[in-house]
Protein backbone atom coordinates (compact mmCIF):
# COMPACT_ATOMS: atom_id res chain seq x y z
CA UNK A 1 25.86 -1.78 -30.73
CA UNK A 2 22.08 -1.52 -30.62
CA UNK A 3 19.46 -4.23 -30.90
CA UNK A 4 18.09 -4.67 -34.40
CA UNK A 5 14.73 -5.81 -35.66
CA UNK A 6 14.92 -8.58 -38.23
CA UNK A 7 12.64 -10.86 -40.19
CA UNK A 8 13.09 -14.61 -39.98
CA UNK A 9 13.97 -15.84 -43.52
CA UNK A 10 11.41 -18.58 -42.97
CA UNK A 11 8.69 -16.16 -41.99
CA UNK A 12 5.74 -15.98 -44.31
CA UNK A 13 5.00 -12.31 -43.64
CA UNK A 14 7.02 -9.38 -42.37
CA UNK A 15 4.91 -9.26 -39.22
CA UNK A 16 6.68 -12.47 -38.11
CA UNK A 17 9.68 -10.58 -36.76
CA UNK A 18 12.11 -11.05 -33.93
CA UNK A 19 14.41 -8.76 -32.02
CA UNK A 20 18.03 -9.88 -31.88
CA UNK A 21 20.23 -8.57 -29.10
CA UNK A 22 23.99 -8.12 -29.24
CA UNK A 23 24.52 -11.68 -28.01
CA UNK A 24 22.52 -13.11 -30.89
CA UNK A 25 19.50 -14.14 -28.85
CA UNK A 26 16.19 -13.69 -30.63
CA UNK A 27 12.72 -13.16 -29.20
CA UNK A 28 9.35 -12.11 -30.67
CA UNK A 29 8.43 -8.46 -30.97
CA UNK A 30 4.92 -7.11 -30.46
CA UNK A 31 3.04 -5.32 -33.19
CA UNK A 32 3.21 -1.98 -31.38
CA UNK A 33 7.00 -2.20 -30.98
CA UNK A 34 7.40 -3.02 -34.65
CA UNK A 35 5.14 -0.20 -35.82
CA UNK A 36 6.85 2.32 -33.52
CA UNK A 37 10.08 1.52 -35.35
CA UNK A 38 8.99 0.86 -38.93
CA UNK A 39 5.51 2.32 -39.23
CA UNK A 40 2.47 0.21 -40.19
CA UNK A 41 3.14 -3.43 -40.98
CA UNK A 42 2.76 -4.96 -44.36
CA UNK A 43 0.92 -8.14 -45.31
CA UNK A 44 3.17 -8.73 -48.29
CA UNK A 45 4.96 -12.09 -48.31
CA UNK A 46 8.69 -11.93 -47.64
CA UNK A 47 9.40 -12.99 -51.21
CA UNK A 48 7.72 -9.86 -52.54
CA UNK A 49 9.87 -7.49 -50.50
CA UNK A 50 12.99 -5.80 -51.82
CA UNK A 51 16.17 -7.18 -50.19
CA UNK A 52 16.95 -3.74 -48.79
CA UNK A 53 13.72 -3.87 -46.78
CA UNK A 54 14.82 -6.85 -44.69
CA UNK A 55 17.85 -7.37 -42.46
CA UNK A 56 18.61 -11.01 -41.65
CA UNK A 57 20.41 -11.92 -38.42
CA UNK A 58 23.74 -13.65 -38.16
CA UNK A 59 22.10 -15.94 -35.56
CA UNK A 60 18.61 -17.06 -36.55
CA UNK A 61 15.79 -17.46 -34.02
CA UNK A 62 15.84 -21.22 -34.31
CA UNK A 63 17.29 -24.03 -32.25
CA UNK A 64 20.08 -24.45 -34.76
CA UNK A 65 21.38 -21.52 -36.75
CA UNK A 66 21.18 -21.95 -40.51
CA UNK A 67 23.66 -20.20 -42.76
CA UNK A 68 22.08 -17.75 -45.18
CA UNK A 69 23.58 -15.67 -47.97
CA UNK A 70 22.64 -12.53 -46.06
CA UNK A 71 24.17 -13.60 -42.79
CA UNK A 72 27.50 -11.94 -43.40
CA UNK A 73 26.08 -8.87 -45.08
CA UNK A 74 27.55 -5.67 -43.65
CA UNK A 75 25.26 -3.67 -41.43
CA UNK A 76 23.82 -0.59 -43.10
CA UNK A 77 24.31 2.85 -41.58
CA UNK A 78 21.68 3.65 -38.97
CA UNK A 79 20.05 6.32 -41.15
CA UNK A 80 19.48 3.77 -43.90
CA UNK A 81 18.32 0.86 -41.76
CA UNK A 82 15.08 2.26 -40.44
CA UNK A 83 12.97 -0.39 -42.08
CA UNK A 84 10.57 -0.96 -44.90
CA UNK A 85 9.09 2.17 -46.34
CA UNK A 86 11.57 4.57 -44.73
CA UNK A 87 12.35 7.51 -47.04
CA UNK A 88 15.58 9.14 -45.96
CA UNK A 89 15.17 12.14 -48.25
CA UNK A 90 11.81 12.98 -46.65
CA UNK A 91 13.51 12.58 -43.28
CA UNK A 92 16.15 15.03 -44.50
CA UNK A 93 13.46 17.54 -45.44
CA UNK A 94 12.12 17.31 -41.91
CA UNK A 95 15.60 18.14 -40.58
CA UNK A 96 15.98 21.04 -42.98
CA UNK A 97 12.49 22.28 -42.11
CA UNK A 98 13.21 22.56 -38.39
CA UNK A 99 16.27 24.67 -39.22
CA UNK A 100 14.04 26.94 -41.34
CA UNK A 101 11.55 27.23 -38.46
CA UNK A 102 14.27 28.16 -35.97
CA UNK A 103 15.91 30.54 -38.47
CA UNK A 104 12.62 32.40 -39.02
CA UNK A 105 12.25 32.86 -35.25
CA UNK A 106 15.86 34.03 -34.86
CA UNK A 107 15.35 36.53 -37.70
CA UNK A 108 12.16 37.76 -36.05
CA UNK A 109 14.08 38.54 -32.86
CA UNK A 110 17.11 39.97 -34.69
CA UNK A 111 15.53 43.34 -35.40
CA UNK A 112 15.51 42.89 -39.16
CA UNK A 113 12.16 44.65 -39.41
CA UNK A 114 13.97 47.95 -38.71
CA UNK A 115 15.65 49.10 -41.91
CA UNK A 116 16.99 45.75 -43.14
CA UNK A 117 19.61 45.57 -45.85
CA UNK A 118 18.78 43.88 -49.18
CA UNK A 119 20.62 40.76 -48.03
CA UNK A 120 18.69 40.70 -44.76
CA UNK A 121 15.41 41.11 -46.63
CA UNK A 122 16.30 38.25 -48.95
CA UNK A 123 17.34 35.93 -46.11
CA UNK A 124 14.29 36.74 -44.02
CA UNK A 125 12.00 36.10 -46.98
CA UNK A 126 13.75 32.79 -47.62
CA UNK A 127 13.51 31.57 -44.01
CA UNK A 128 10.12 33.04 -43.14
CA UNK A 129 7.11 30.75 -43.09
CA UNK A 130 9.42 27.80 -42.39
CA UNK A 131 6.33 26.08 -41.03
CA UNK A 132 5.25 25.37 -44.63
CA UNK A 133 7.80 22.58 -45.35
CA UNK A 134 7.27 21.28 -41.80
CA UNK A 135 3.51 20.90 -42.44
CA UNK A 136 4.23 19.52 -45.92
CA UNK A 137 6.37 16.74 -44.41
CA UNK A 138 3.66 16.02 -41.82
CA UNK A 139 1.06 15.54 -44.54
CA UNK A 140 3.45 13.45 -46.62
CA UNK A 141 4.23 11.07 -43.76
CA UNK A 142 0.59 10.85 -42.67
CA UNK A 143 -0.30 9.58 -46.12
CA UNK A 144 2.83 7.42 -46.40
CA UNK A 145 1.83 5.56 -43.21
CA UNK A 146 -1.85 5.39 -44.13
CA UNK A 147 -1.98 1.59 -44.69
CA UNK A 148 -3.49 -0.15 -41.68
CA UNK A 149 -4.44 3.27 -40.24
CA UNK A 150 -6.37 2.93 -36.98
CA UNK A 151 -7.80 6.19 -35.69
CA UNK A 152 -7.88 5.30 -31.98
CA UNK A 153 -4.27 4.12 -31.98
CA UNK A 154 -3.23 7.14 -34.06
CA UNK A 155 -4.79 9.54 -31.55
CA UNK A 156 -3.24 7.74 -28.58
CA UNK A 157 0.21 8.03 -30.10
CA UNK A 158 -0.26 11.70 -30.97
CA UNK A 159 -1.51 12.42 -27.46
CA UNK A 160 1.51 10.66 -25.99
CA UNK A 161 4.23 12.07 -28.25
CA UNK A 162 2.90 15.51 -29.25
CA UNK A 163 0.18 16.79 -26.90
CA UNK A 164 1.74 15.47 -23.66
CA UNK A 165 5.19 16.97 -24.46
CA UNK A 166 3.43 20.22 -25.35
CA UNK A 167 1.89 20.35 -21.88
CA UNK A 168 5.13 19.32 -20.18
CA UNK A 169 7.19 21.95 -22.00
CA UNK A 170 4.55 24.59 -21.19
CA UNK A 171 4.86 24.12 -17.41
CA UNK A 172 8.02 26.24 -16.85
CA UNK A 173 6.74 29.29 -18.74
CA UNK A 174 3.30 29.00 -17.12
CA UNK A 175 4.85 28.92 -13.64
CA UNK A 176 7.16 31.83 -14.42
CA UNK A 177 4.33 33.99 -15.76
CA UNK A 178 2.17 33.11 -12.76
CA UNK A 179 4.87 34.07 -10.25
CA UNK A 180 5.64 37.32 -12.07
CA UNK A 181 2.00 38.13 -12.79
CA UNK A 182 2.73 38.89 -16.43
CA UNK A 183 2.05 37.22 -19.77
CA UNK A 184 -1.22 35.33 -19.73
CA UNK A 185 -1.72 36.17 -16.04
CA UNK A 186 -1.54 39.95 -16.52
CA UNK A 187 -4.90 41.34 -15.38
CA UNK A 188 -6.16 37.89 -14.41
CA UNK A 189 -5.73 38.22 -10.64
CA UNK A 190 -9.30 37.14 -9.90
CA UNK A 191 -9.44 34.22 -12.33
CA UNK A 192 -8.52 30.64 -11.57
CA UNK A 193 -4.84 30.08 -12.51
CA UNK A 194 -5.67 26.63 -13.84
CA UNK A 195 -8.46 27.96 -16.06
CA UNK A 196 -6.19 30.72 -17.37
CA UNK A 197 -3.48 28.16 -18.15
CA UNK A 198 -5.89 25.81 -19.93
CA UNK A 199 -7.30 28.62 -22.05
CA UNK A 200 -3.77 29.64 -23.02
CA UNK A 201 -2.82 26.08 -23.93
CA UNK A 202 -5.82 25.81 -26.26
CA UNK A 203 -4.25 28.45 -28.51
CA UNK A 204 -0.56 28.34 -27.53
CA UNK A 205 -0.70 31.78 -25.90
CA UNK A 206 1.65 30.75 -23.09
CA UNK A 207 4.54 30.93 -25.59
CA UNK A 208 3.25 31.91 -29.03
CA UNK A 209 6.73 31.54 -30.46
CA UNK A 210 6.71 28.58 -31.24
CA UNK A 211 3.97 26.70 -29.35
CA UNK A 212 1.06 28.08 -31.43
CA UNK A 213 1.77 25.23 -33.87
CA UNK A 214 0.61 22.41 -31.58
CA UNK A 215 -3.06 23.47 -31.15
CA UNK A 216 -3.18 23.99 -34.91
CA UNK A 217 -1.72 20.62 -35.88
CA UNK A 218 -3.95 18.95 -33.28
CA UNK A 219 -6.92 19.89 -35.48
CA UNK A 220 -5.34 17.87 -38.29
CA UNK A 221 -4.95 14.91 -35.91
CA UNK A 222 -8.65 15.07 -35.08
CA UNK A 223 -9.59 15.42 -38.75
CA UNK A 224 -7.53 12.38 -39.83
CA UNK A 225 -10.56 10.26 -40.89
CA UNK A 226 -11.85 13.11 -43.08
CA UNK A 227 -8.43 13.51 -44.68
CA UNK A 228 -8.36 9.78 -45.27
CA UNK A 229 -11.70 9.96 -47.10
CA UNK A 230 -10.41 12.78 -49.31
CA UNK A 231 -7.50 10.62 -50.42
CA UNK A 232 -9.48 7.42 -50.92
CA UNK A 233 -12.06 9.19 -53.08
CA UNK A 234 -9.29 10.99 -54.97
CA UNK A 235 -10.51 14.41 -53.94
CA UNK A 236 -7.12 15.73 -52.84
CA UNK A 237 -6.39 17.85 -55.91
CA UNK A 238 -9.98 19.09 -56.02
CA UNK A 239 -9.51 20.26 -52.42
CA UNK A 240 -5.95 21.59 -52.63
CA UNK A 241 -6.58 24.14 -55.39
CA UNK A 242 -9.59 25.96 -53.88
CA UNK A 243 -8.18 25.80 -50.35
CA UNK A 244 -4.91 27.34 -51.59
CA UNK A 245 -6.83 30.14 -53.33
CA UNK A 246 -8.69 30.81 -50.08
CA UNK A 247 -5.51 30.68 -47.97
CA UNK A 248 -3.63 33.35 -49.94
CA UNK A 249 -6.41 35.83 -49.08
CA UNK A 250 -7.13 34.42 -45.63
CA UNK A 251 -3.57 35.16 -44.32
CA UNK A 252 -1.86 33.94 -41.18
CA UNK A 253 -3.27 34.87 -37.80
CA UNK A 254 -1.50 37.78 -36.10
CA UNK A 255 -0.04 36.62 -32.79
CA UNK A 256 -1.20 33.11 -33.77
CA UNK A 257 -4.28 33.21 -31.54
CA UNK A 258 -6.90 32.23 -34.12
CA UNK A 259 -6.23 28.50 -34.33
CA UNK A 260 -8.87 27.75 -36.96
CA UNK A 261 -7.50 30.50 -39.20
CA UNK A 262 -4.02 29.00 -38.91
CA UNK A 263 -5.39 25.53 -39.70
CA UNK A 264 -7.25 26.79 -42.77
CA UNK A 265 -4.12 28.63 -43.93
CA UNK A 266 -1.95 25.51 -43.75
CA UNK A 267 -4.62 23.03 -44.91
CA UNK A 268 -3.56 23.11 -48.61
CA UNK A 269 0.05 22.49 -47.56
CA UNK A 270 -0.87 19.40 -45.53
CA UNK A 271 -3.05 18.11 -48.37
CA UNK A 272 -0.28 18.80 -50.88
CA UNK A 273 2.06 16.69 -48.76
CA UNK A 274 -0.49 13.86 -48.81
CA UNK A 275 -0.87 14.17 -52.58
CA UNK A 276 2.92 14.17 -53.06
CA UNK A 277 3.08 10.91 -51.13
CA UNK A 278 0.39 9.23 -53.23
CA UNK A 279 2.06 10.35 -56.50
CA UNK A 280 5.62 10.28 -55.21
CA UNK A 281 7.52 8.87 -58.16
CA UNK A 282 5.50 10.72 -60.82
CA UNK A 283 5.79 13.98 -58.86
CA UNK A 284 9.54 13.66 -58.36
CA UNK A 285 10.05 12.74 -62.03
CA UNK A 286 8.08 15.84 -63.06
CA UNK A 287 10.11 18.10 -60.76
CA UNK A 288 13.36 16.57 -62.02
CA UNK A 289 12.33 17.14 -65.62
CA UNK A 290 11.05 20.70 -65.23
CA UNK A 291 13.16 21.71 -62.26
CA UNK A 292 14.81 24.69 -63.96
CA UNK A 293 11.47 26.09 -65.06
CA UNK A 294 9.98 25.63 -61.59
CA UNK A 295 13.04 27.25 -60.03
CA UNK A 296 12.75 30.24 -62.40
CA UNK A 297 9.09 30.65 -61.43
CA UNK A 298 10.00 30.47 -57.74
CA UNK A 299 12.77 33.08 -58.07
CA UNK A 300 10.49 35.39 -60.08
CA UNK A 301 7.80 35.09 -57.40
CA UNK A 302 10.40 35.87 -54.72
CA UNK A 303 11.36 39.04 -56.61
CA UNK A 304 7.73 40.11 -56.87
CA UNK A 305 7.22 39.49 -53.16
CA UNK A 306 10.34 41.39 -52.06
CA UNK A 307 10.50 44.20 -54.62
CA UNK A 308 6.95 44.86 -55.79
CA UNK A 309 5.01 43.87 -52.67
CA UNK A 310 7.74 45.08 -50.31
CA UNK A 311 7.25 42.02 -48.10
CA UNK A 312 9.65 39.67 -46.35
CA UNK A 313 7.29 36.82 -45.62
CA UNK A 314 3.62 35.93 -45.16
CA UNK A 315 0.84 38.36 -44.36
CA UNK A 316 -0.31 38.41 -40.73
CA UNK A 317 -3.85 39.75 -40.25
CA UNK A 318 -5.93 40.54 -37.18
CA UNK A 319 -8.91 38.73 -38.63
CA UNK A 320 -9.47 36.31 -41.53
CA UNK A 321 -9.41 38.11 -44.88
CA UNK A 322 -8.67 41.51 -43.32
CA UNK A 323 -6.41 43.68 -45.48
CA UNK A 324 -4.64 46.03 -43.04
CA UNK A 325 -1.32 44.26 -43.76
CA UNK A 326 -1.89 43.34 -47.41
CA UNK A 327 -4.18 41.43 -49.72
CA UNK A 328 -2.43 38.64 -51.64
CA UNK A 329 -0.09 36.34 -49.70
CA UNK A 330 2.37 35.10 -52.31
CA UNK A 331 4.63 33.57 -49.69
CA UNK A 332 2.45 30.50 -49.18
CA UNK A 333 2.51 29.16 -52.78
CA UNK A 334 6.19 30.15 -53.06
CA UNK A 335 7.14 28.04 -50.05
CA UNK A 336 4.96 25.17 -51.26
CA UNK A 337 6.72 25.17 -54.63
CA UNK A 338 10.06 25.41 -52.85
CA UNK A 339 9.13 22.35 -50.76
CA UNK A 340 8.66 20.28 -53.93
CA UNK A 341 11.96 21.51 -55.37
CA UNK A 342 13.96 20.86 -52.21
CA UNK A 343 12.40 17.40 -51.77
CA UNK A 344 13.45 16.44 -55.31
CA UNK A 345 16.92 17.85 -54.70
CA UNK A 346 17.32 15.90 -51.47
CA UNK A 347 16.20 12.71 -53.22
CA UNK A 348 18.74 13.26 -56.02
CA UNK A 349 21.64 13.69 -53.59
CA UNK A 350 20.23 11.43 -50.89
CA UNK A 351 23.32 9.30 -50.35
CA UNK A 352 25.52 12.38 -50.03
CA UNK A 353 23.45 14.58 -47.71
CA UNK A 354 21.11 12.37 -45.68
CA UNK A 355 23.70 11.89 -42.94
CA UNK A 356 23.89 15.66 -42.42
CA UNK A 357 20.17 15.99 -41.65
CA UNK A 358 19.48 12.67 -39.91
CA UNK A 359 20.30 13.89 -36.40
CA UNK A 360 18.31 17.10 -36.84
CA UNK A 361 15.32 15.16 -38.20
CA UNK A 362 15.40 12.60 -35.38
CA UNK A 363 15.43 15.44 -32.83
CA UNK A 364 13.10 17.76 -34.76
CA UNK A 365 10.26 17.84 -32.25
CA UNK A 366 12.68 18.18 -29.35
CA UNK A 367 14.35 21.11 -31.09
CA UNK A 368 10.94 22.60 -31.77
CA UNK A 369 9.84 22.37 -28.14
CA UNK A 370 13.09 23.61 -26.56
CA UNK A 371 14.32 26.33 -28.91
CA UNK A 372 11.68 28.80 -27.70
CA UNK A 373 13.27 28.83 -24.24
CA UNK A 374 16.75 29.19 -25.74
CA UNK A 375 15.55 32.15 -27.85
CA UNK A 376 13.96 33.89 -24.87
CA UNK A 377 17.05 33.37 -22.71
CA UNK A 378 19.35 34.62 -25.48
CA UNK A 379 17.20 37.68 -26.16
CA UNK A 380 17.10 38.51 -22.43
CA UNK A 381 20.89 38.20 -22.21
CA UNK A 382 21.39 40.52 -25.20
CA UNK A 383 19.02 43.13 -23.77
CA UNK A 384 20.63 43.09 -20.33
CA UNK A 385 22.43 46.33 -19.59
CA UNK A 386 21.20 48.01 -22.79
CA UNK A 387 18.03 49.94 -23.46
CA UNK A 388 18.49 49.72 -27.20
CA UNK A 389 16.49 47.11 -29.16
CA UNK A 390 18.32 44.09 -30.54
CA UNK A 391 19.63 44.46 -34.07
CA UNK A 392 21.90 41.77 -35.51
CA UNK A 393 23.73 41.80 -38.80
CA UNK A 394 23.96 38.79 -41.07
CA UNK A 395 27.03 37.51 -39.22
CA UNK A 396 25.32 37.93 -35.87
CA UNK A 397 22.24 36.17 -37.21
CA UNK A 398 24.34 33.21 -38.40
CA UNK A 399 26.05 32.95 -34.99
CA UNK A 400 22.74 33.27 -33.16
CA UNK A 401 21.12 30.59 -35.32
CA UNK A 402 24.05 28.23 -34.81
CA UNK A 403 24.01 28.87 -31.08
CA UNK A 404 20.27 28.31 -30.71
CA UNK A 405 20.44 25.04 -32.67
CA UNK A 406 23.45 23.74 -30.73
CA UNK A 407 22.11 24.68 -27.30
CA UNK A 408 18.68 23.26 -28.14
CA UNK A 409 20.25 20.04 -29.42
CA UNK A 410 22.31 19.84 -26.24
CA UNK A 411 19.11 20.17 -24.22
CA UNK A 412 17.51 17.39 -26.26
CA UNK A 413 20.48 15.09 -25.61
CA UNK A 414 20.45 15.82 -21.88
CA UNK A 415 16.74 15.00 -21.61
CA UNK A 416 17.21 11.84 -23.67
CA UNK A 417 20.13 10.75 -21.51
CA UNK A 418 18.19 11.36 -18.30
CA UNK A 419 14.82 9.90 -19.34
CA UNK A 420 15.78 7.30 -21.94
CA UNK A 421 12.82 6.25 -24.10
CA UNK A 422 10.50 8.20 -21.82
CA UNK A 423 11.96 11.40 -23.30
CA UNK A 424 9.48 11.11 -26.16
CA UNK A 425 6.72 11.86 -23.65
CA UNK A 426 8.56 14.95 -22.38
CA UNK A 427 10.01 16.56 -25.53
CA UNK A 428 8.56 14.46 -28.36
CA UNK A 429 11.70 12.50 -29.27
């Protein structure tokens, strides 16, 4: 059994909480501990909260326990007892998104760019740009936890649980490249190794697949007050539409080295996630009502992208707005629309599927940070003893994806077992 956070039935506000251990002893919990578990506190009186938002203890934090109607209530499953404001279907989308991210990287290393079959083209188009739902969820949760937002505290937490793990995970590949004199250290014999490493970390060049994402999302962390102003003044929609129109011609940065281009490309997705959070119920009701029409539009756009454009994912350009790889990036709005559809689907079947994605979602940042090493090790093993490039069929791709996820999850569990709660500062979870 684990300790649980509970609210005293006699408490006036939810911030008057206690932690109850397995023996039934209760003691106060600090604000930071509460917010780490539940997100920002609420000032609503206990009487205004839904019963599902509060778990009462069997032994109350008083000198004499008082029987309550909720005392014998069965404990909810862990995935459902994460506290007030927890949205399990959004959590599920996070879990599904990390699978899409890993799948796109596995497909990229599977040789599907060399004469792929129609099925391979379809699957690669589906999984490519898996970063879109990941960014969408980030924007959604940023807005969802906006109440009582404090910029300094927000930055400290992001530094501790995102930037610090990014630096920790970068150490092995930086050391290996330095010893071998390749990668970022190729041709840099006369430069300071520390300076070379710092420059690489600013853009994720030490392991572009997948670490480019962290410098990009760090720009969103820094811009949090500006994003907050956009929402409070109801400028989100007025910003999403033009930024999306710009992004489809801007394209993704080739080799992911232009961080500001990547940030501008994903800006409408992050803002769309924020907007979806502010209009959650109305948005989900709209998607439920017109889901078939939206799905038909999505499928038609997929067909245009694959058949007419001859593409299997987003456009990667050397420079912003350059056209050597194409002009109109349809993949971005397609994946945004797909994010809305999948979110509504996960909400509809929440009680049936949330358990399947909970573990993946909880470990999402750990999987993100570790799967790059698993991919590189797997690719090196496949190339060993063969001069031919890697080319996997659909079955091989499915096995590779399963193997990368399982090995990465095993690595996450080992780090968590060894470091305990400190693992969040090493791998983000």
